[in-house]
Amino acid sequence: MRIVSLCPSNTEIAAYLGLTDQIVGVDNYSDWPPSVNNLPRLGPDLSIDMDKVEELTPDLVLASLSVPGMEKNVEKLKEKNLPYIVSEPNSLDDVRRDLLIIGEAAETYKKAQTVVNRMDQILDDYERKAAGCHPVRLYWEWWPKPVFSPGGGNWLSTISRLAGGRNILEDRDEASCQVSWEEIKNLEPDHICLAWVGVQTEKVRPEILQKREGWTSMKALKDGKVHVLEEPLYCRPSPRLLAGLQKLAYLLHPDVFQKPDNTDPLLAEL
């Protein structure tokens, strides 16, 4: 099967299903597993060159609606009558569902079930350990200006709980919330987690928090609890979120959770 992936999370899901050698083209931002860096690039995930996709004669295109603006990719796939499926993940349950949907479409459903079962085992283990932790309050920042943060409908609220924390915006139904600096200051989180979407870790600038009105008095800044976290491990709805969970849990509760050893906790068992 000739597979084309139009976003990093779907490329990663395909890898967990053992489909990497069947991928013939990816969007510009797909970078894991490293082998996909040698594949033809089809443009940014919000502006895919559909003529290039068509030239690859795919048997299956993995499209997504995980980011606003991706709808036009789906419209163009329809216009060109290319075979595709669409994921629209917001939660960890959605990631599980997408594994099964993509697995079925790519004729590797049994492998998808194995991945989902192992994923559930890992999550259950973290849930048990997190139950004994005193939860710390987390502010997640996806974008600095205007400020966007995940709400209760997003996978990071679940990841936070599994790591022994609480997303301070988990009471909001939205998957993504636009918030104000004043609002976050008043909520007084214990930790600030910066994972700016599409921005490499070394380009995130935590020093800008000091310039926000009133933020220098916040407990998290005074205590040095500002963390720059790897965007691919927290902002992409794929099983790699479990690697992010592993790092976050140890960061928050090193006395409860095992120190990460830089191996993928899911791939290690597959």
Protein backbone atom coordinates (compact mmCIF):
# COMPACT_ATOMS: atom_id res chain seq x y z
CA MET A 1 0.00 0.00 0.00
CA ARG A 2 1.21 3.51 -0.88
CA ILE A 3 0.43 5.85 2.02
CA VAL A 4 0.68 9.64 2.19
CA SER A 5 0.49 11.46 5.53
CA LEU A 6 -0.51 15.11 5.74
CA CYS A 7 0.42 15.85 9.37
CA PRO A 8 3.03 14.76 11.93
CA SER A 9 0.62 12.97 14.29
CA ASN A 10 -0.70 10.70 11.54
CA THR A 11 2.85 9.97 10.38
CA GLU A 12 3.67 8.93 13.93
CA ILE A 13 0.56 6.77 14.27
CA ALA A 14 1.51 5.01 11.05
CA ALA A 15 4.96 4.32 12.51
CA TYR A 16 3.49 2.69 15.62
CA LEU A 17 1.46 0.48 13.29
CA GLY A 18 4.58 -0.63 11.43
CA LEU A 19 3.63 1.23 8.25
CA THR A 20 6.62 3.53 7.84
CA ASP A 21 8.01 1.58 4.90
CA GLN A 22 4.71 2.08 3.08
CA ILE A 23 4.70 5.88 3.43
CA VAL A 24 5.67 7.56 0.15
CA GLY A 25 5.20 11.24 1.08
CA VAL A 26 4.70 13.47 4.13
CA ASP A 27 4.00 17.07 5.09
CA ASN A 28 6.90 19.43 5.81
CA TYR A 29 6.68 19.07 9.61
CA SER A 30 6.71 15.30 9.95
CA ASP A 31 10.05 14.41 11.53
CA TRP A 32 9.50 11.14 13.42
CA PRO A 33 10.58 8.46 12.99
CA PRO A 34 13.82 9.90 11.50
CA SER A 35 13.50 7.74 8.38
CA VAL A 36 10.63 9.90 7.09
CA ASN A 37 13.07 12.78 6.63
CA ASN A 38 14.15 11.12 3.39
CA LEU A 39 10.64 11.12 1.91
CA PRO A 40 9.16 13.62 -0.56
CA ARG A 41 7.82 16.74 1.19
CA LEU A 42 4.37 17.92 0.24
CA GLY A 43 4.22 21.34 1.89
CA PRO A 44 3.12 22.67 5.29
CA ASP A 45 0.28 20.75 6.91
CA LEU A 46 -2.04 23.76 6.43
CA SER A 47 -1.14 24.16 2.78
CA ILE A 48 -0.47 20.80 1.17
CA ASP A 49 0.45 20.69 -2.52
CA MET A 50 -2.28 18.31 -3.74
CA ASP A 51 -0.76 18.05 -7.20
CA LYS A 52 2.31 16.46 -5.61
CA VAL A 53 0.08 14.15 -3.57
CA GLU A 54 -1.71 13.07 -6.72
CA GLU A 55 1.60 12.40 -8.50
CA LEU A 56 2.49 9.89 -5.76
CA THR A 57 -0.58 7.80 -6.70
CA PRO A 58 -1.46 6.98 -3.09
CA ASP A 59 -3.70 4.10 -2.09
CA LEU A 60 -4.48 5.93 1.14
CA VAL A 61 -4.04 9.52 2.31
CA LEU A 62 -4.02 10.17 6.06
CA ALA A 63 -5.64 13.58 6.51
CA SER A 64 -6.49 15.39 9.74
CA LEU A 65 -8.60 18.17 11.22
CA SER A 66 -6.45 18.50 14.34
CA VAL A 67 -5.55 22.10 13.49
CA PRO A 68 -8.01 24.78 12.25
CA GLY A 69 -7.43 25.37 8.54
CA MET A 70 -6.83 21.74 7.56
CA GLU A 71 -10.34 21.58 6.15
CA LYS A 72 -9.09 22.83 2.79
CA ASN A 73 -6.84 19.79 2.48
CA VAL A 74 -9.87 17.54 2.78
CA GLU A 75 -11.79 19.60 0.24
CA LYS A 76 -8.94 19.26 -2.28
CA LEU A 77 -8.70 15.51 -1.67
CA LYS A 78 -12.39 15.26 -2.52
CA GLU A 79 -11.92 17.35 -5.66
CA LYS A 80 -9.13 15.08 -6.87
CA ASN A 81 -11.02 11.95 -5.87
CA LEU A 82 -8.08 10.63 -3.88
CA PRO A 83 -8.66 7.86 -1.31
CA TYR A 84 -8.40 9.27 2.20
CA ILE A 85 -9.48 9.04 5.81
CA VAL A 86 -9.71 11.96 8.24
CA SER A 87 -8.75 12.05 11.90
CA GLU A 88 -10.03 14.74 14.27
CA PRO A 89 -8.32 14.06 17.59
CA ASN A 90 -8.73 16.14 20.73
CA SER A 91 -8.40 13.56 23.51
CA LEU A 92 -6.37 10.47 24.35
CA ASP A 93 -9.47 8.41 23.56
CA ASP A 94 -9.44 9.96 20.10
CA VAL A 95 -5.81 8.86 19.64
CA ARG A 96 -6.83 5.31 20.53
CA ARG A 97 -9.68 5.51 18.04
CA ASP A 98 -7.43 6.86 15.29
CA LEU A 99 -4.98 4.00 15.80
CA LEU A 100 -7.80 1.55 15.16
CA ILE A 101 -9.29 3.48 12.24
CA ILE A 102 -5.95 3.91 10.47
CA GLY A 103 -5.03 0.34 11.29
CA GLU A 104 -8.20 -0.94 9.69
CA ALA A 105 -7.83 1.26 6.60
CA ALA A 106 -4.20 0.16 6.17
CA GLU A 107 -5.03 -3.51 6.70
CA THR A 108 -3.10 -3.79 9.96
CA TYR A 109 -5.98 -3.81 12.44
CA LYS A 110 -4.53 -6.60 14.59
CA LYS A 111 -1.36 -4.59 15.15
CA ALA A 112 -3.51 -1.55 16.00
CA GLN A 113 -5.33 -3.55 18.65
CA THR A 114 -2.00 -4.64 20.14
CA VAL A 115 -0.78 -1.02 20.29
CA VAL A 116 -4.03 0.18 21.89
CA ASN A 117 -3.99 -2.61 24.46
CA ARG A 118 -0.41 -1.83 25.46
CA MET A 119 -1.23 1.88 25.57
CA ASP A 120 -4.12 1.15 27.95
CA GLN A 121 -1.85 -0.90 30.21
CA ILE A 122 0.63 1.95 30.49
CA LEU A 123 -2.10 4.52 31.16
CA ASP A 124 -3.66 2.31 33.84
CA ASP A 125 -0.30 2.05 35.58
CA TYR A 126 0.12 5.83 35.62
CA GLU A 127 -3.44 6.31 36.83
CA ARG A 128 -2.81 4.02 39.81
CA LYS A 129 0.39 5.81 40.76
CA ALA A 130 -1.11 9.29 40.25
CA ALA A 131 -3.95 8.43 42.63
CA GLY A 132 -1.47 8.53 45.49
CA CYS A 133 0.01 11.92 44.54
CA HIS A 134 -0.95 15.32 45.87
CA PRO A 135 -1.97 16.99 42.57
CA VAL A 136 -0.06 20.09 41.50
CA ARG A 137 -1.73 22.73 39.34
CA LEU A 138 -0.37 23.21 35.82
CA TYR A 139 -0.69 26.01 33.30
CA TRP A 140 0.02 24.83 29.77
CA GLU A 141 0.88 27.45 27.17
CA TRP A 142 0.46 26.53 23.52
CA TRP A 143 1.00 30.00 22.10
CA PRO A 144 2.27 33.19 23.76
CA LYS A 145 0.43 36.02 21.99
CA PRO A 146 -2.51 35.80 21.83
CA VAL A 147 -2.30 33.26 24.61
CA PHE A 148 -3.79 29.84 23.86
CA SER A 149 -3.95 26.97 26.32
CA PRO A 150 -5.53 23.49 26.27
CA GLY A 151 -8.86 23.07 28.04
CA GLY A 152 -10.62 20.09 29.54
CA GLY A 153 -11.44 18.65 26.14
CA ASN A 154 -7.77 18.25 25.26
CA TRP A 155 -5.40 15.31 25.79
CA LEU A 156 -3.13 17.45 27.99
CA SER A 157 -5.79 17.61 30.71
CA THR A 158 -5.73 13.82 30.85
CA ILE A 159 -1.93 13.69 30.64
CA SER A 160 -1.78 16.18 33.52
CA ARG A 161 -3.95 14.00 35.76
CA LEU A 162 -2.03 10.84 34.88
CA ALA A 163 1.18 12.65 35.86
CA GLY A 164 -0.22 13.66 39.25
CA GLY A 165 -1.21 17.16 38.21
CA ARG A 166 -4.25 19.19 37.20
CA ASN A 167 -4.62 21.49 34.22
CA ILE A 168 -5.89 24.78 35.70
CA LEU A 169 -8.27 25.09 32.72
CA GLU A 170 -9.62 21.53 32.82
CA ASP A 171 -13.07 22.79 33.85
CA ARG A 172 -13.50 24.29 30.38
CA ASP A 173 -15.08 22.10 27.75
CA GLU A 174 -13.02 23.45 24.84
CA ALA A 175 -10.01 21.59 23.57
CA SER A 176 -8.20 24.91 23.10
CA CYS A 177 -8.89 28.16 24.98
CA GLN A 178 -7.82 31.72 24.35
CA VAL A 179 -6.99 33.25 27.72
CA SER A 180 -5.58 36.47 29.14
CA TRP A 181 -2.40 37.05 31.12
CA GLU A 182 -4.52 38.45 33.97
CA GLU A 183 -6.68 35.34 34.06
CA ILE A 184 -3.71 33.00 34.35
CA LYS A 185 -2.03 35.19 36.96
CA ASN A 186 -5.16 35.04 39.13
CA LEU A 187 -5.36 31.24 38.81
CA GLU A 188 -1.85 31.01 40.32
CA PRO A 189 -0.55 27.69 38.90
CA ASP A 190 2.17 25.73 40.69
CA HIS A 191 3.99 24.98 37.43
CA ILE A 192 4.07 26.68 34.01
CA CYS A 193 4.61 24.34 31.06
CA LEU A 194 5.60 25.97 27.77
CA ALA A 195 5.04 23.83 24.69
CA TRP A 196 4.51 26.23 21.82
CA VAL A 197 2.91 24.55 18.83
CA GLY A 198 5.26 24.21 15.89
CA VAL A 199 8.17 25.86 17.74
CA GLN A 200 11.40 23.98 18.44
CA THR A 201 12.35 23.76 22.12
CA GLU A 202 15.49 25.88 21.75
CA LYS A 203 13.43 28.72 20.24
CA VAL A 204 10.95 28.98 23.12
CA ARG A 205 11.69 32.08 25.21
CA PRO A 206 10.59 31.65 28.84
CA GLU A 207 12.06 35.05 29.72
CA ILE A 208 9.04 36.77 28.11
CA LEU A 209 6.94 35.64 31.07
CA GLN A 210 8.80 38.16 33.22
CA LYS A 211 7.49 40.97 31.01
CA ARG A 212 3.82 40.13 31.51
CA GLU A 213 2.07 42.50 33.89
CA GLY A 214 1.98 41.07 37.39
CA TRP A 215 3.61 37.77 36.50
CA THR A 216 6.86 38.38 38.40
CA SER A 217 4.87 37.97 41.62
CA MET A 218 3.55 34.55 40.58
CA LYS A 219 4.63 31.62 42.73
CA ALA A 220 5.68 29.48 39.74
CA LEU A 221 8.11 32.14 38.53
CA LYS A 222 9.47 32.82 42.01
CA ASP A 223 10.03 29.11 42.61
CA GLY A 224 11.60 28.47 39.21
CA LYS A 225 8.79 26.14 38.17
CA VAL A 226 8.75 27.19 34.51
CA HIS A 227 9.41 24.30 32.14
CA VAL A 228 10.13 24.35 28.41
CA LEU A 229 8.82 21.01 27.16
CA GLU A 230 9.33 19.26 23.82
CA GLU A 231 6.54 20.28 21.47
CA PRO A 232 6.43 16.91 19.64
CA LEU A 233 5.77 15.05 22.91
CA TYR A 234 2.87 17.23 24.08
CA CYS A 235 1.27 18.95 21.08
CA ARG A 236 0.86 16.08 18.62
CA PRO A 237 -2.06 13.67 19.12
CA SER A 238 -0.16 10.42 18.66
CA PRO A 239 1.07 7.63 20.98
CA ARG A 240 4.24 9.65 21.52
CA LEU A 241 2.19 11.53 24.13
CA LEU A 242 3.06 8.63 26.44
CA ALA A 243 6.73 9.57 26.20
CA GLY A 244 5.68 13.08 27.21
CA LEU A 245 3.66 11.67 30.10
CA GLN A 246 6.69 9.74 31.29
CA LYS A 247 8.82 12.90 31.41
CA LEU A 248 6.12 15.08 32.97
CA ALA A 249 5.27 12.57 35.70
CA TYR A 250 8.89 12.32 36.82
CA LEU A 251 9.26 16.12 36.66
CA LEU A 252 6.28 16.63 38.98
CA HIS A 253 6.69 13.63 41.29
CA PRO A 254 10.20 12.14 41.11
CA ASP A 255 9.54 10.23 44.33
CA VAL A 256 6.64 8.32 42.72
CA PHE A 257 7.45 7.92 39.05
CA GLN A 258 10.47 6.30 37.42
CA LYS A 259 13.11 8.48 35.81
CA PRO A 260 12.79 8.41 31.99
CA ASP A 261 15.56 6.59 30.16
CA ASN A 262 14.84 8.15 26.74
CA THR A 263 13.23 4.98 25.40
CA ASP A 264 9.68 5.13 24.10
CA PRO A 265 7.54 3.44 26.80
CA LEU A 266 5.16 2.08 24.19
CA LEU A 267 7.61 0.97 21.51
CA ALA A 268 9.74 -0.80 24.12
CA GLU A 269 7.01 -3.40 24.59
CA LEU A 270 5.88 -3.87 20.98
